[in-house]
Amino acid sequence: MFERDKKSIISLLFAWNETVLPQILPALLLVLIISTAFSSLIYFNVIKIATFPTISFSIFGVILSIFLGFKNTACYDRWWEARKLWGTLIASSRHILRETLLLTKSYRILILNYLILFSSILRYRLRNIPLNADLLSNYSFLSDSDIKILLEQKNPPQFILEKIQHVLITALKEQAVTDIIYNQINTHITDLGNVQAGCDRIKDSPLPYSYSVLLHRAVYCFCFTLPFSLETTLGIGTPLLVGLIAYLFLGLDALSTQLEEPFNLNINGLPLDKMVSNIEYEMNKHL
């Protein structure tokens, strides 16, 4: 995810890497070529083709705008909910970091290491990156047997939370922590489990595929046939307005597709690597 500078109007107008323009550029160029060719042939009386009534495209455009707006709202809600869940994960980790000060050093270090491992493994899970020994070898507190057991788990983040719970129960039995502190920390562990459940729900429940396909096809059909309606009104200037309208519709369609998957490695995906690094930095300061 890019760090965006929104202070300069010029930088916003000519932004490239931070936009969906590179993604829609082939389709946009194709629309412009069709529009330019069609308008030129009509303008120079090479061909004569009956154009579509403008009112039909106006109605089509309004309806398409409503559905695109609905899709963008739904996709942004998914993106924002995912960001709030990861905000809860960061906040809960900080709460645990403070409240484990009453634990003995050995128990506290183990819990903090598990918190680092939980956030990292959850990131891999949400991005469909398979766990392997090389990824887990970066965590020195894990033994070879621990890595082997972890790789055998169907739900590694949940397994890590169970390990944290086991450490807390052991500390409680050995009277290394009071039942009040245990309940407080356990509340935050529950919050971490809810974060994972919410992220899994977003990841495994995208917008209905048939709806996305239908809207995607409608956008492209509208953009490719738009020159046949505007030519009678704009003449040789048709490609200019067609290009602007196509950029708007194609861009909104591409943007909603990116926001629909907030955990993916696209320009509008959540900066999971940065958030995990922040958690690791805060935890490692106390190890």
C-alpha atoms as a PDB file:
ATOM      1  CA  MET A   1       0.000   0.000   0.000  1.00  0.00           C
ATOM      2  CA  PHE A   2       1.431   3.369  -1.013  1.00  0.00           C
ATOM      3  CA  GLU A   3       1.958   6.419   1.176  1.00  0.00           C
ATOM      4  CA  ARG A   4      -0.101   9.053  -0.614  1.00  0.00           C
ATOM      5  CA  ASP A   5       0.626  12.773  -0.718  1.00  0.00           C
ATOM      6  CA  LYS A   6      -2.727  14.554  -0.894  1.00  0.00           C
ATOM      7  CA  LYS A   7      -1.372  18.060  -0.412  1.00  0.00           C
ATOM      8  CA  SER A   8      -0.515  18.716  -4.044  1.00  0.00           C
ATOM      9  CA  ILE A   9      -3.341  19.110  -6.560  1.00  0.00           C
ATOM     10  CA  ILE A  10      -0.914  18.466  -9.408  1.00  0.00           C
ATOM     11  CA  SER A  11       0.220  15.175  -7.894  1.00  0.00           C
ATOM     12  CA  LEU A  12      -3.408  14.044  -7.603  1.00  0.00           C
ATOM     13  CA  LEU A  13      -4.179  14.959 -11.213  1.00  0.00           C
ATOM     14  CA  PHE A  14      -1.159  13.135 -12.631  1.00  0.00           C
ATOM     15  CA  ALA A  15      -0.945  10.229 -10.170  1.00  0.00           C
ATOM     16  CA  TRP A  16      -0.232   6.880 -11.842  1.00  0.00           C
ATOM     17  CA  ASN A  17       1.034   4.124  -9.505  1.00  0.00           C
ATOM     18  CA  GLU A  18      -1.573   4.869  -6.857  1.00  0.00           C
ATOM     19  CA  THR A  19      -4.550   4.676  -9.220  1.00  0.00           C
ATOM     20  CA  VAL A  20      -6.564   2.094 -11.153  1.00  0.00           C
ATOM     21  CA  LEU A  21      -5.599   3.721 -14.456  1.00  0.00           C
ATOM     22  CA  PRO A  22      -2.854   1.192 -15.317  1.00  0.00           C
ATOM     23  CA  GLN A  23      -5.366  -1.615 -14.830  1.00  0.00           C
ATOM     24  CA  ILE A  24      -8.126  -0.145 -17.020  1.00  0.00           C
ATOM     25  CA  LEU A  25      -5.838   1.481 -19.589  1.00  0.00           C
ATOM     26  CA  PRO A  26      -6.085  -1.330 -22.225  1.00  0.00           C
ATOM     27  CA  ALA A  27      -9.897  -1.261 -22.142  1.00  0.00           C
ATOM     28  CA  LEU A  28      -9.941   2.530 -22.092  1.00  0.00           C
ATOM     29  CA  LEU A  29      -7.653   2.745 -25.124  1.00  0.00           C
ATOM     30  CA  LEU A  30      -9.832   0.245 -26.973  1.00  0.00           C
ATOM     31  CA  VAL A  31     -12.921   2.364 -26.274  1.00  0.00           C
ATOM     32  CA  LEU A  32     -11.107   5.481 -27.509  1.00  0.00           C
ATOM     33  CA  ILE A  33      -9.932   3.732 -30.684  1.00  0.00           C
ATOM     34  CA  ILE A  34     -13.444   2.488 -31.474  1.00  0.00           C
ATOM     35  CA  SER A  35     -14.917   5.896 -30.744  1.00  0.00           C
ATOM     36  CA  THR A  36     -12.319   7.755 -32.823  1.00  0.00           C
ATOM     37  CA  ALA A  37     -12.626   5.393 -35.762  1.00  0.00           C
ATOM     38  CA  PHE A  38     -16.411   5.452 -35.751  1.00  0.00           C
ATOM     39  CA  SER A  39     -16.621   9.238 -35.393  1.00  0.00           C
ATOM     40  CA  SER A  40     -14.081   9.824 -38.164  1.00  0.00           C
ATOM     41  CA  LEU A  41     -15.854   7.530 -40.591  1.00  0.00           C
ATOM     42  CA  ILE A  42     -19.171   9.246 -39.938  1.00  0.00           C
ATOM     43  CA  TYR A  43     -17.684  12.764 -39.996  1.00  0.00           C
ATOM     44  CA  PHE A  44     -16.010  12.271 -43.383  1.00  0.00           C
ATOM     45  CA  ASN A  45     -19.115  10.555 -44.816  1.00  0.00           C
ATOM     46  CA  VAL A  46     -17.309   7.261 -45.342  1.00  0.00           C
ATOM     47  CA  ILE A  47     -20.163   5.317 -43.772  1.00  0.00           C
ATOM     48  CA  LYS A  48     -23.692   6.055 -42.625  1.00  0.00           C
ATOM     49  CA  ILE A  49     -25.000   4.123 -39.647  1.00  0.00           C
ATOM     50  CA  ALA A  50     -28.199   4.713 -37.718  1.00  0.00           C
ATOM     51  CA  THR A  51     -27.228   5.780 -34.208  1.00  0.00           C
ATOM     52  CA  PHE A  52     -28.963   4.774 -30.995  1.00  0.00           C
ATOM     53  CA  PRO A  53     -31.312   7.282 -29.309  1.00  0.00           C
ATOM     54  CA  THR A  54     -29.550   9.261 -26.595  1.00  0.00           C
ATOM     55  CA  ILE A  55     -32.399   8.852 -24.116  1.00  0.00           C
ATOM     56  CA  SER A  56     -31.875   5.089 -23.977  1.00  0.00           C
ATOM     57  CA  PHE A  57     -28.225   5.524 -23.011  1.00  0.00           C
ATOM     58  CA  SER A  58     -29.159   8.179 -20.464  1.00  0.00           C
ATOM     59  CA  ILE A  59     -31.489   5.743 -18.712  1.00  0.00           C
ATOM     60  CA  PHE A  60     -28.939   2.945 -19.000  1.00  0.00           C
ATOM     61  CA  GLY A  61     -26.241   5.216 -17.537  1.00  0.00           C
ATOM     62  CA  VAL A  62     -28.366   6.268 -14.566  1.00  0.00           C
ATOM     63  CA  ILE A  63     -29.284   2.667 -13.725  1.00  0.00           C
ATOM     64  CA  LEU A  64     -25.673   1.560 -14.123  1.00  0.00           C
ATOM     65  CA  SER A  65     -24.505   4.393 -11.865  1.00  0.00           C
ATOM     66  CA  ILE A  66     -26.897   3.302  -9.126  1.00  0.00           C
ATOM     67  CA  PHE A  67     -25.684  -0.292  -9.222  1.00  0.00           C
ATOM     68  CA  LEU A  68     -22.028   0.777  -9.377  1.00  0.00           C
ATOM     69  CA  GLY A  69     -22.603   3.023  -6.385  1.00  0.00           C
ATOM     70  CA  PHE A  70     -24.165   0.148  -4.469  1.00  0.00           C
ATOM     71  CA  LYS A  71     -21.251  -2.152  -5.303  1.00  0.00           C
ATOM     72  CA  ASN A  72     -18.641   0.441  -4.330  1.00  0.00           C
ATOM     73  CA  THR A  73     -20.410   1.094  -1.030  1.00  0.00           C
ATOM     74  CA  ALA A  74     -20.606  -2.627  -0.251  1.00  0.00           C
ATOM     75  CA  CYS A  75     -16.944  -3.165  -1.159  1.00  0.00           C
ATOM     76  CA  TYR A  76     -15.757  -0.168   0.842  1.00  0.00           C
ATOM     77  CA  ASP A  77     -17.727  -1.415   3.848  1.00  0.00           C
ATOM     78  CA  ARG A  78     -15.820  -4.699   3.591  1.00  0.00           C
ATOM     79  CA  TRP A  79     -12.509  -2.823   3.371  1.00  0.00           C
ATOM     80  CA  TRP A  80     -13.310  -0.580   6.327  1.00  0.00           C
ATOM     81  CA  GLU A  81     -14.553  -3.441   8.484  1.00  0.00           C
ATOM     82  CA  ALA A  82     -11.312  -5.311   7.795  1.00  0.00           C
ATOM     83  CA  ARG A  83      -9.323  -2.236   8.821  1.00  0.00           C
ATOM     84  CA  LYS A  84     -11.323  -1.912  12.057  1.00  0.00           C
ATOM     85  CA  LEU A  85     -10.711  -5.578  12.847  1.00  0.00           C
ATOM     86  CA  TRP A  86      -6.972  -5.142  12.460  1.00  0.00           C
ATOM     87  CA  GLY A  87      -7.202  -2.008  14.574  1.00  0.00           C
ATOM     88  CA  THR A  88      -8.796  -4.151  17.281  1.00  0.00           C
ATOM     89  CA  LEU A  89      -5.983  -6.686  16.894  1.00  0.00           C
ATOM     90  CA  ILE A  90      -3.353  -3.982  17.430  1.00  0.00           C
ATOM     91  CA  ALA A  91      -5.229  -2.501  20.398  1.00  0.00           C
ATOM     92  CA  SER A  92      -5.740  -5.910  22.039  1.00  0.00           C
ATOM     93  CA  SER A  93      -2.043  -6.727  21.610  1.00  0.00           C
ATOM     94  CA  ARG A  94      -1.126  -3.485  23.373  1.00  0.00           C
ATOM     95  CA  HIS A  95      -3.562  -4.223  26.192  1.00  0.00           C
ATOM     96  CA  ILE A  96      -1.999  -7.641  26.674  1.00  0.00           C
ATOM     97  CA  LEU A  97       1.465  -6.088  26.534  1.00  0.00           C
ATOM     98  CA  ARG A  98       0.604  -3.842  29.491  1.00  0.00           C
ATOM     99  CA  GLU A  99      -1.409  -6.295  31.548  1.00  0.00           C
ATOM    100  CA  THR A 100       1.186  -9.073  31.349  1.00  0.00           C
ATOM    101  CA  LEU A 101       3.585  -6.869  33.348  1.00  0.00           C
ATOM    102  CA  LEU A 102       2.262  -8.675  36.443  1.00  0.00           C
ATOM    103  CA  LEU A 103       3.319 -12.051  35.059  1.00  0.00           C
ATOM    104  CA  THR A 104       6.710 -13.565  35.643  1.00  0.00           C
ATOM    105  CA  LYS A 105       9.266 -12.818  32.948  1.00  0.00           C
ATOM    106  CA  SER A 106       9.230 -16.314  31.414  1.00  0.00           C
ATOM    107  CA  TYR A 107       5.458 -16.390  31.022  1.00  0.00           C
ATOM    108  CA  ARG A 108       5.328 -12.831  29.681  1.00  0.00           C
ATOM    109  CA  ILE A 109       8.024 -13.392  27.075  1.00  0.00           C
ATOM    110  CA  LEU A 110       6.286 -16.546  25.860  1.00  0.00           C
ATOM    111  CA  ILE A 111       2.914 -14.776  25.517  1.00  0.00           C
ATOM    112  CA  LEU A 112       4.432 -11.810  23.673  1.00  0.00           C
ATOM    113  CA  ASN A 113       6.215 -14.138  21.256  1.00  0.00           C
ATOM    114  CA  TYR A 114       2.951 -15.945  20.592  1.00  0.00           C
ATOM    115  CA  LEU A 115       1.243 -12.594  19.916  1.00  0.00           C
ATOM    116  CA  ILE A 116       3.859 -11.759  17.290  1.00  0.00           C
ATOM    117  CA  LEU A 117       3.414 -15.193  15.750  1.00  0.00           C
ATOM    118  CA  PHE A 118      -0.387 -14.884  15.768  1.00  0.00           C
ATOM    119  CA  SER A 119      -0.459 -11.602  13.833  1.00  0.00           C
ATOM    120  CA  SER A 120       2.073 -12.859  11.299  1.00  0.00           C
ATOM    121  CA  ILE A 121       0.353 -16.195  10.692  1.00  0.00           C
ATOM    122  CA  LEU A 122      -3.048 -14.513  10.423  1.00  0.00           C
ATOM    123  CA  ARG A 123      -1.611 -12.280   7.695  1.00  0.00           C
ATOM    124  CA  TYR A 124      -0.389 -15.311   5.751  1.00  0.00           C
ATOM    125  CA  ARG A 125      -3.745 -17.035   6.175  1.00  0.00           C
ATOM    126  CA  LEU A 126      -5.708 -14.050   4.868  1.00  0.00           C
ATOM    127  CA  ARG A 127      -3.404 -13.748   1.854  1.00  0.00           C
ATOM    128  CA  ASN A 128      -3.562 -17.478   1.083  1.00  0.00           C
ATOM    129  CA  ILE A 129       0.191 -17.838   1.625  1.00  0.00           C
ATOM    130  CA  PRO A 130       0.924 -21.436   2.714  1.00  0.00           C
ATOM    131  CA  LEU A 131       2.906 -21.817   5.906  1.00  0.00           C
ATOM    132  CA  ASN A 132       6.243 -23.571   5.619  1.00  0.00           C
ATOM    133  CA  ALA A 133       9.281 -24.229   7.781  1.00  0.00           C
ATOM    134  CA  ASP A 134      11.211 -21.347   6.222  1.00  0.00           C
ATOM    135  CA  LEU A 135       8.606 -18.785   7.275  1.00  0.00           C
ATOM    136  CA  LEU A 136       8.434 -20.142  10.804  1.00  0.00           C
ATOM    137  CA  SER A 137      12.196 -20.454  11.197  1.00  0.00           C
ATOM    138  CA  ASN A 138      12.349 -16.691  11.786  1.00  0.00           C
ATOM    139  CA  TYR A 139      10.791 -17.233  15.209  1.00  0.00           C
ATOM    140  CA  SER A 140      13.631 -18.517  17.353  1.00  0.00           C
ATOM    141  CA  PHE A 141      11.439 -19.464  20.315  1.00  0.00           C
ATOM    142  CA  LEU A 142       9.839 -22.239  18.233  1.00  0.00           C
ATOM    143  CA  SER A 143      11.538 -25.595  18.324  1.00  0.00           C
ATOM    144  CA  ASP A 144      11.587 -27.988  15.375  1.00  0.00           C
ATOM    145  CA  SER A 145       8.820 -30.032  16.998  1.00  0.00           C
ATOM    146  CA  ASP A 146       6.748 -26.864  17.551  1.00  0.00           C
ATOM    147  CA  ILE A 147       7.103 -25.954  13.870  1.00  0.00           C
ATOM    148  CA  LYS A 148       6.112 -29.456  12.816  1.00  0.00           C
ATOM    149  CA  ILE A 149       3.003 -29.405  14.998  1.00  0.00           C
ATOM    150  CA  LEU A 150       2.076 -25.938  13.795  1.00  0.00           C
ATOM    151  CA  LEU A 151       2.364 -26.926  10.142  1.00  0.00           C
ATOM    152  CA  GLU A 152      -0.032 -29.812  10.770  1.00  0.00           C
ATOM    153  CA  GLN A 153      -2.782 -27.487  12.037  1.00  0.00           C
ATOM    154  CA  LYS A 154      -5.733 -26.656   9.804  1.00  0.00           C
ATOM    155  CA  ASN A 155      -6.224 -23.346  11.630  1.00  0.00           C
ATOM    156  CA  PRO A 156      -2.782 -22.179  12.865  1.00  0.00           C
ATOM    157  CA  PRO A 157      -3.917 -18.788  14.285  1.00  0.00           C
ATOM    158  CA  GLN A 158      -6.531 -20.504  16.452  1.00  0.00           C
ATOM    159  CA  PHE A 159      -3.880 -22.990  17.596  1.00  0.00           C
ATOM    160  CA  ILE A 160      -1.640 -20.084  18.674  1.00  0.00           C
ATOM    161  CA  LEU A 161      -4.488 -18.585  20.710  1.00  0.00           C
ATOM    162  CA  GLU A 162      -4.954 -21.959  22.381  1.00  0.00           C
ATOM    163  CA  LYS A 163      -1.250 -21.971  23.255  1.00  0.00           C
ATOM    164  CA  ILE A 164      -1.573 -18.507  24.833  1.00  0.00           C
ATOM    165  CA  GLN A 165      -4.597 -19.732  26.783  1.00  0.00           C
ATOM    166  CA  HIS A 166      -2.610 -22.731  27.983  1.00  0.00           C
ATOM    167  CA  VAL A 167       0.207 -20.462  29.205  1.00  0.00           C
ATOM    168  CA  LEU A 168      -2.281 -18.314  31.133  1.00  0.00           C
ATOM    169  CA  ILE A 169      -3.971 -21.345  32.701  1.00  0.00           C
ATOM    170  CA  THR A 170      -0.593 -22.721  33.759  1.00  0.00           C
ATOM    171  CA  ALA A 171       0.330 -19.368  35.294  1.00  0.00           C
ATOM    172  CA  LEU A 172      -3.003 -19.284  37.131  1.00  0.00           C
ATOM    173  CA  LYS A 173      -2.543 -22.786  38.515  1.00  0.00           C
ATOM    174  CA  GLU A 174       0.937 -21.897  39.731  1.00  0.00           C
ATOM    175  CA  GLN A 175      -0.479 -18.714  41.280  1.00  0.00           C
ATOM    176  CA  ALA A 176       1.812 -16.616  39.112  1.00  0.00           C
ATOM    177  CA  VAL A 177      -1.197 -14.442  38.240  1.00  0.00           C
ATOM    178  CA  THR A 178      -4.422 -13.604  40.044  1.00  0.00           C
ATOM    179  CA  ASP A 179      -7.793 -14.653  38.710  1.00  0.00           C
ATOM    180  CA  ILE A 180      -8.685 -10.975  38.109  1.00  0.00           C
ATOM    181  CA  ILE A 181      -5.668 -10.385  35.877  1.00  0.00           C
ATOM    182  CA  TYR A 182      -6.291 -13.740  34.209  1.00  0.00           C
ATOM    183  CA  ASN A 183      -9.846 -12.704  33.305  1.00  0.00           C
ATOM    184  CA  GLN A 184      -8.666  -9.337  31.985  1.00  0.00           C
ATOM    185  CA  ILE A 185      -6.048 -10.877  29.727  1.00  0.00           C
ATOM    186  CA  ASN A 186      -8.447 -13.630  28.697  1.00  0.00           C
ATOM    187  CA  THR A 187     -10.926 -10.968  27.517  1.00  0.00           C
ATOM    188  CA  HIS A 188      -8.338  -9.633  25.081  1.00  0.00           C
ATOM    189  CA  ILE A 189      -7.519 -13.149  23.890  1.00  0.00           C
ATOM    190  CA  THR A 190     -11.227 -13.558  23.133  1.00  0.00           C
ATOM    191  CA  ASP A 191     -11.102 -10.294  21.173  1.00  0.00           C
ATOM    192  CA  LEU A 192      -8.242 -11.701  19.090  1.00  0.00           C
ATOM    193  CA  GLY A 193     -10.349 -14.767  18.321  1.00  0.00           C
ATOM    194  CA  ASN A 194     -13.216 -12.526  17.245  1.00  0.00           C
ATOM    195  CA  VAL A 195     -10.836 -10.585  14.994  1.00  0.00           C
ATOM    196  CA  GLN A 196      -9.781 -13.766  13.245  1.00  0.00           C
ATOM    197  CA  ALA A 197     -13.390 -14.899  12.855  1.00  0.00           C
ATOM    198  CA  GLY A 198     -14.337 -11.531  11.340  1.00  0.00           C
ATOM    199  CA  CYS A 199     -11.395 -11.561   8.938  1.00  0.00           C
ATOM    200  CA  ASP A 200     -12.183 -15.130   7.874  1.00  0.00           C
ATOM    201  CA  ARG A 201     -15.781 -14.109   7.218  1.00  0.00           C
ATOM    202  CA  ILE A 202     -14.700 -11.230   4.966  1.00  0.00           C
ATOM    203  CA  LYS A 203     -12.167 -13.391   3.155  1.00  0.00           C
ATOM    204  CA  ASP A 204     -14.506 -16.341   2.587  1.00  0.00           C
ATOM    205  CA  SER A 205     -17.660 -14.363   1.731  1.00  0.00           C
ATOM    206  CA  PRO A 206     -17.042 -12.080  -1.262  1.00  0.00           C
ATOM    207  CA  LEU A 207     -19.844 -10.407  -3.171  1.00  0.00           C
ATOM    208  CA  PRO A 208     -21.958 -12.873  -5.179  1.00  0.00           C
ATOM    209  CA  TYR A 209     -20.002 -13.845  -8.267  1.00  0.00           C
ATOM    210  CA  SER A 210     -22.988 -13.608 -10.617  1.00  0.00           C
ATOM    211  CA  TYR A 211     -23.683 -10.049  -9.450  1.00  0.00           C
ATOM    212  CA  SER A 212     -20.067  -8.963 -10.048  1.00  0.00           C
ATOM    213  CA  VAL A 213     -19.979 -10.590 -13.489  1.00  0.00           C
ATOM    214  CA  LEU A 214     -23.299  -9.045 -14.524  1.00  0.00           C
ATOM    215  CA  LEU A 215     -22.240  -5.553 -13.473  1.00  0.00           C
ATOM    216  CA  HIS A 216     -18.794  -5.936 -15.059  1.00  0.00           C
ATOM    217  CA  ARG A 217     -20.317  -6.946 -18.391  1.00  0.00           C
ATOM    218  CA  ALA A 218     -22.851  -4.121 -18.231  1.00  0.00           C
ATOM    219  CA  VAL A 219     -20.073  -1.552 -17.688  1.00  0.00           C
ATOM    220  CA  TYR A 220     -18.063  -2.767 -20.676  1.00  0.00           C
ATOM    221  CA  CYS A 221     -21.129  -3.020 -22.931  1.00  0.00           C
ATOM    222  CA  PHE A 222     -22.123   0.519 -22.028  1.00  0.00           C
ATOM    223  CA  CYS A 223     -18.635   1.927 -22.684  1.00  0.00           C
ATOM    224  CA  PHE A 224     -18.150   0.127 -26.001  1.00  0.00           C
ATOM    225  CA  THR A 225     -21.553   1.143 -27.395  1.00  0.00           C
ATOM    226  CA  LEU A 226     -21.575   4.709 -26.063  1.00  0.00           C
ATOM    227  CA  PRO A 227     -19.945   6.228 -29.213  1.00  0.00           C
ATOM    228  CA  PHE A 228     -22.900   5.062 -31.304  1.00  0.00           C
ATOM    229  CA  SER A 229     -25.174   7.329 -29.248  1.00  0.00           C
ATOM    230  CA  LEU A 230     -23.088  10.460 -28.773  1.00  0.00           C
ATOM    231  CA  GLU A 231     -21.790  10.806 -32.340  1.00  0.00           C
ATOM    232  CA  THR A 232     -24.892  12.552 -33.646  1.00  0.00           C
ATOM    233  CA  THR A 233     -24.580  15.216 -30.958  1.00  0.00           C
ATOM    234  CA  LEU A 234     -20.816  15.680 -30.584  1.00  0.00           C
ATOM    235  CA  GLY A 235     -19.532  14.675 -33.994  1.00  0.00           C
ATOM    236  CA  ILE A 236     -15.726  14.543 -34.161  1.00  0.00           C
ATOM    237  CA  GLY A 237     -15.551  15.480 -30.460  1.00  0.00           C
ATOM    238  CA  THR A 238     -17.201  12.205 -29.434  1.00  0.00           C
ATOM    239  CA  PRO A 239     -13.964  10.418 -28.332  1.00  0.00           C
ATOM    240  CA  LEU A 240     -13.231  13.089 -25.716  1.00  0.00           C
ATOM    241  CA  LEU A 241     -16.501  12.708 -23.802  1.00  0.00           C
ATOM    242  CA  VAL A 242     -16.599   8.942 -24.374  1.00  0.00           C
ATOM    243  CA  GLY A 243     -13.099   8.660 -22.885  1.00  0.00           C
ATOM    244  CA  LEU A 244     -14.057  10.628 -19.783  1.00  0.00           C
ATOM    245  CA  ILE A 245     -17.256   8.641 -19.199  1.00  0.00           C
ATOM    246  CA  ALA A 246     -15.478   5.326 -19.863  1.00  0.00           C
ATOM    247  CA  TYR A 247     -12.706   6.284 -17.425  1.00  0.00           C
ATOM    248  CA  LEU A 248     -15.300   6.981 -14.733  1.00  0.00           C
ATOM    249  CA  PHE A 249     -17.284   3.762 -15.175  1.00  0.00           C
ATOM    250  CA  LEU A 250     -14.323   1.457 -15.813  1.00  0.00           C
ATOM    251  CA  GLY A 251     -12.414   3.034 -12.940  1.00  0.00           C
ATOM    252  CA  LEU A 252     -15.253   2.623 -10.456  1.00  0.00           C
ATOM    253  CA  ASP A 253     -15.694  -0.997 -11.509  1.00  0.00           C
ATOM    254  CA  ALA A 254     -11.966  -1.732 -11.097  1.00  0.00           C
ATOM    255  CA  LEU A 255     -11.779   0.144  -7.778  1.00  0.00           C
ATOM    256  CA  SER A 256     -14.683  -1.768  -6.274  1.00  0.00           C
ATOM    257  CA  THR A 257     -13.047  -5.043  -7.331  1.00  0.00           C
ATOM    258  CA  GLN A 258      -9.876  -4.077  -5.465  1.00  0.00           C
ATOM    259  CA  LEU A 259     -11.717  -2.953  -2.328  1.00  0.00           C
ATOM    260  CA  GLU A 260     -13.741  -6.166  -2.318  1.00  0.00           C
ATOM    261  CA  GLU A 261     -10.590  -8.093  -1.314  1.00  0.00           C
ATOM    262  CA  PRO A 262      -8.994  -5.920   1.412  1.00  0.00           C
ATOM    263  CA  PHE A 263      -6.301  -8.476   2.280  1.00  0.00           C
ATOM    264  CA  ASN A 264      -4.901  -8.872  -1.232  1.00  0.00           C
ATOM    265  CA  LEU A 265      -1.587  -7.422  -2.388  1.00  0.00           C
ATOM    266  CA  ASN A 266      -3.035  -4.649  -4.540  1.00  0.00           C
ATOM    267  CA  ILE A 267      -2.594  -0.896  -4.388  1.00  0.00           C
ATOM    268  CA  ASN A 268      -5.699  -0.494  -2.226  1.00  0.00           C
ATOM    269  CA  GLY A 269      -5.142  -3.540  -0.038  1.00  0.00           C
ATOM    270  CA  LEU A 270      -4.630  -3.134   3.690  1.00  0.00           C
ATOM    271  CA  PRO A 271      -0.967  -2.637   4.715  1.00  0.00           C
ATOM    272  CA  LEU A 272      -0.850  -5.873   6.710  1.00  0.00           C
ATOM    273  CA  ASP A 273       2.947  -6.099   6.499  1.00  0.00           C
ATOM    274  CA  LYS A 274       3.309  -2.662   8.083  1.00  0.00           C
ATOM    275  CA  MET A 275       0.811  -3.433  10.852  1.00  0.00           C
ATOM    276  CA  VAL A 276       2.483  -6.754  11.647  1.00  0.00           C
ATOM    277  CA  SER A 277       5.872  -5.004  11.718  1.00  0.00           C
ATOM    278  CA  ASN A 278       4.499  -2.436  14.171  1.00  0.00           C
ATOM    279  CA  ILE A 279       3.233  -5.197  16.457  1.00  0.00           C
ATOM    280  CA  GLU A 280       6.588  -6.976  16.280  1.00  0.00           C
ATOM    281  CA  TYR A 281       8.452  -3.750  17.056  1.00  0.00           C
ATOM    282  CA  GLU A 282       6.315  -2.977  20.102  1.00  0.00           C
ATOM    283  CA  MET A 283       6.531  -6.522  21.435  1.00  0.00           C
ATOM    284  CA  ASN A 284      10.255  -6.950  20.791  1.00  0.00           C
ATOM    285  CA  LYS A 285      11.047  -3.863  22.866  1.00  0.00           C
ATOM    286  CA  HIS A 286       9.884  -5.810  25.928  1.00  0.00           C
ATOM    287  CA  LEU A 287      11.489  -9.171  25.155  1.00  0.00           C
END
